[in-house]
């Protein structure tokens, strides 16, 4: 089972920024090692808002820390604001990706902005075999605990 990490980006990136960001991330990840062994990886940006890194070989705790630091540094150098862990992302009625603080979920449900069928981007996906669950209806994600039964 291969590991993956997803970083959400606060604002939609344009194509030129995406290309440069991916190049810089790939260059940094060329140095990614776990116990002196290179970590094969795959880098992609999904919907201009999500950086996805897949480890195609074994990783260790130190190598994961190294990855996190390098992604944060690269994003900071390019003035790309990464979302904090309290952010949730969903697709609105117009098909646009929106961001909100997780504490707003009950209010968004009450107002009908979020429904059980609203597509949520689940940043908790951690393995490639779970990637199909990255985009899922709210009722099928961890946010279903906010639904009134």
Protein backbone atom coordinates (compact mmCIF):
# COMPACT_ATOMS: atom_id res chain seq x y z
CA UNK A 1 0.00 0.00 0.00
CA UNK A 2 1.57 3.26 -1.13
CA UNK A 3 1.41 6.41 1.01
CA UNK A 4 0.25 9.75 -0.24
CA UNK A 5 -0.04 13.26 1.10
CA UNK A 6 -2.40 16.00 0.04
CA UNK A 7 -1.80 19.68 0.62
CA UNK A 8 -4.67 22.03 -0.08
CA UNK A 9 -3.87 25.40 -1.57
CA UNK A 10 -5.88 28.38 -0.36
CA UNK A 11 -6.43 29.88 -3.80
CA UNK A 12 -6.79 28.40 -7.29
CA UNK A 13 -3.43 28.45 -9.09
CA UNK A 14 -2.96 29.54 -12.69
CA UNK A 15 -1.28 27.24 -15.21
CA UNK A 16 2.07 29.04 -15.19
CA UNK A 17 2.32 28.88 -11.37
CA UNK A 18 1.28 25.21 -11.42
CA UNK A 19 4.02 24.38 -13.91
CA UNK A 20 6.71 26.22 -11.92
CA UNK A 21 5.50 24.81 -8.59
CA UNK A 22 5.52 21.24 -9.91
CA UNK A 23 9.02 21.71 -11.35
CA UNK A 24 10.35 23.03 -8.03
CA UNK A 25 8.64 20.28 -6.03
CA UNK A 26 9.98 17.60 -8.39
CA UNK A 27 13.49 19.06 -8.14
CA UNK A 28 13.31 19.01 -4.33
CA UNK A 29 11.90 15.48 -4.28
CA UNK A 30 14.79 14.24 -6.42
CA UNK A 31 16.70 14.41 -3.10
CA UNK A 32 14.03 12.55 -1.08
CA UNK A 33 15.53 9.55 0.72
CA UNK A 34 14.46 7.05 3.34
CA UNK A 35 17.35 5.33 5.13
CA UNK A 36 19.74 6.38 2.33
CA UNK A 37 17.44 4.92 -0.35
CA UNK A 38 15.83 7.23 -2.90
CA UNK A 39 12.05 7.53 -2.57
CA UNK A 40 10.38 7.14 -5.94
CA UNK A 41 7.44 9.49 -6.13
CA UNK A 42 4.73 11.03 -8.23
CA UNK A 43 3.72 14.70 -8.04
CA UNK A 44 0.42 16.08 -9.30
CA UNK A 45 -1.80 19.09 -8.82
CA UNK A 46 -5.50 18.34 -8.86
CA UNK A 47 -8.14 20.93 -9.80
CA UNK A 48 -5.55 23.71 -9.43
CA UNK A 49 -6.04 23.48 -5.64
CA UNK A 50 -4.48 20.28 -4.29
CA UNK A 51 -0.86 19.15 -4.36
CA UNK A 52 -0.72 15.35 -4.22
CA UNK A 53 2.53 13.49 -3.52
CA UNK A 54 2.58 9.72 -3.84
CA UNK A 55 5.47 7.71 -2.42
CA UNK A 56 6.06 4.81 -4.79
CA UNK A 57 8.63 3.23 -2.48
CA UNK A 58 9.08 2.83 1.27
CA UNK A 59 9.24 5.91 3.49
CA UNK A 60 10.22 6.49 7.11
CA UNK A 61 9.27 9.02 9.76
CA UNK A 62 12.32 11.17 9.08
CA UNK A 63 11.70 11.09 5.34
CA UNK A 64 8.08 12.17 5.87
CA UNK A 65 9.27 15.08 8.03
CA UNK A 66 11.74 16.00 5.29
CA UNK A 67 8.94 15.91 2.70
CA UNK A 68 6.68 18.14 4.79
CA UNK A 69 9.41 20.71 5.41
CA UNK A 70 10.36 20.82 1.72
CA UNK A 71 6.79 21.23 0.50
CA UNK A 72 6.18 24.03 3.00
CA UNK A 73 9.45 25.75 2.08
CA UNK A 74 8.81 25.51 -1.66
CA UNK A 75 5.26 26.84 -1.29
CA UNK A 76 6.48 29.68 0.93
CA UNK A 77 9.25 30.62 -1.52
CA UNK A 78 6.64 30.87 -4.29
CA UNK A 79 4.10 32.73 -2.12
CA UNK A 80 1.65 29.85 -2.48
CA UNK A 81 -0.52 29.79 0.64
CA UNK A 82 -1.13 26.25 1.86
CA UNK A 83 -4.38 25.77 3.75
CA UNK A 84 -4.23 24.99 7.44
CA UNK A 85 -5.52 21.73 8.88
CA UNK A 86 -8.79 23.33 10.03
CA UNK A 87 -9.84 24.06 6.46
CA UNK A 88 -12.42 22.01 4.61
CA UNK A 89 -12.97 22.10 0.87
CA UNK A 90 -16.18 21.40 -1.00
CA UNK A 91 -17.70 21.86 -4.42
CA UNK A 92 -20.45 24.48 -4.51
CA UNK A 93 -23.61 24.39 -6.65
CA UNK A 94 -21.68 26.05 -9.50
CA UNK A 95 -18.98 23.39 -9.45
CA UNK A 96 -16.41 25.73 -7.90
CA UNK A 97 -14.18 24.61 -5.05
CA UNK A 98 -14.85 26.54 -1.85
CA UNK A 99 -12.97 26.62 1.45
CA UNK A 100 -14.34 27.03 4.95
CA UNK A 101 -13.20 26.49 8.52
CA UNK A 102 -14.39 23.13 9.84
CA UNK A 103 -16.22 24.89 12.69
CA UNK A 104 -18.57 26.36 10.07
CA UNK A 105 -19.82 22.93 8.91
CA UNK A 106 -22.96 22.89 11.12
CA UNK A 107 -23.89 26.41 9.98
CA UNK A 108 -23.27 25.57 6.29
CA UNK A 109 -25.50 22.49 6.67
CA UNK A 110 -28.21 24.48 8.41
CA UNK A 111 -28.14 27.11 5.63
CA UNK A 112 -28.32 24.41 2.94
CA UNK A 113 -24.95 25.38 1.48
CA UNK A 114 -23.73 21.89 2.37
CA UNK A 115 -25.98 18.86 1.96
CA UNK A 116 -25.37 15.13 2.37
CA UNK A 117 -24.66 15.04 -1.40
CA UNK A 118 -22.20 17.96 -1.50
CA UNK A 119 -18.83 16.83 -2.87
CA UNK A 120 -16.15 17.10 -0.20
CA UNK A 121 -12.41 16.93 -0.81
CA UNK A 122 -11.21 14.59 1.92
CA UNK A 123 -7.69 15.61 2.86
CA UNK A 124 -7.45 12.69 5.30
CA UNK A 125 -6.88 10.22 2.44
CA UNK A 126 -3.45 8.74 3.16
CA UNK A 127 -2.96 5.79 0.77
CA UNK A 128 -3.21 5.43 -2.98
CA UNK A 129 -5.93 2.78 -2.64
CA UNK A 130 -8.08 5.44 -0.91
CA UNK A 131 -7.59 8.10 -3.58
CA UNK A 132 -10.97 7.26 -5.11
CA UNK A 133 -12.46 8.60 -1.84
CA UNK A 134 -10.71 11.97 -2.15
CA UNK A 135 -13.80 13.44 -3.83
CA UNK A 136 -16.87 12.05 -2.11
CA UNK A 137 -20.34 13.09 -1.00
CA UNK A 138 -20.33 14.60 2.49
CA UNK A 139 -22.43 11.68 3.79
CA UNK A 140 -19.55 9.30 2.88
CA UNK A 141 -16.81 11.31 4.62
CA UNK A 142 -15.74 12.04 8.18
CA UNK A 143 -18.07 15.06 8.03
CA UNK A 144 -21.15 12.81 8.14
CA UNK A 145 -21.07 13.12 11.93
CA UNK A 146 -22.53 16.61 11.45
CA UNK A 147 -25.64 15.27 9.71
CA UNK A 148 -28.79 15.15 11.81
CA UNK A 149 -30.19 11.66 11.89
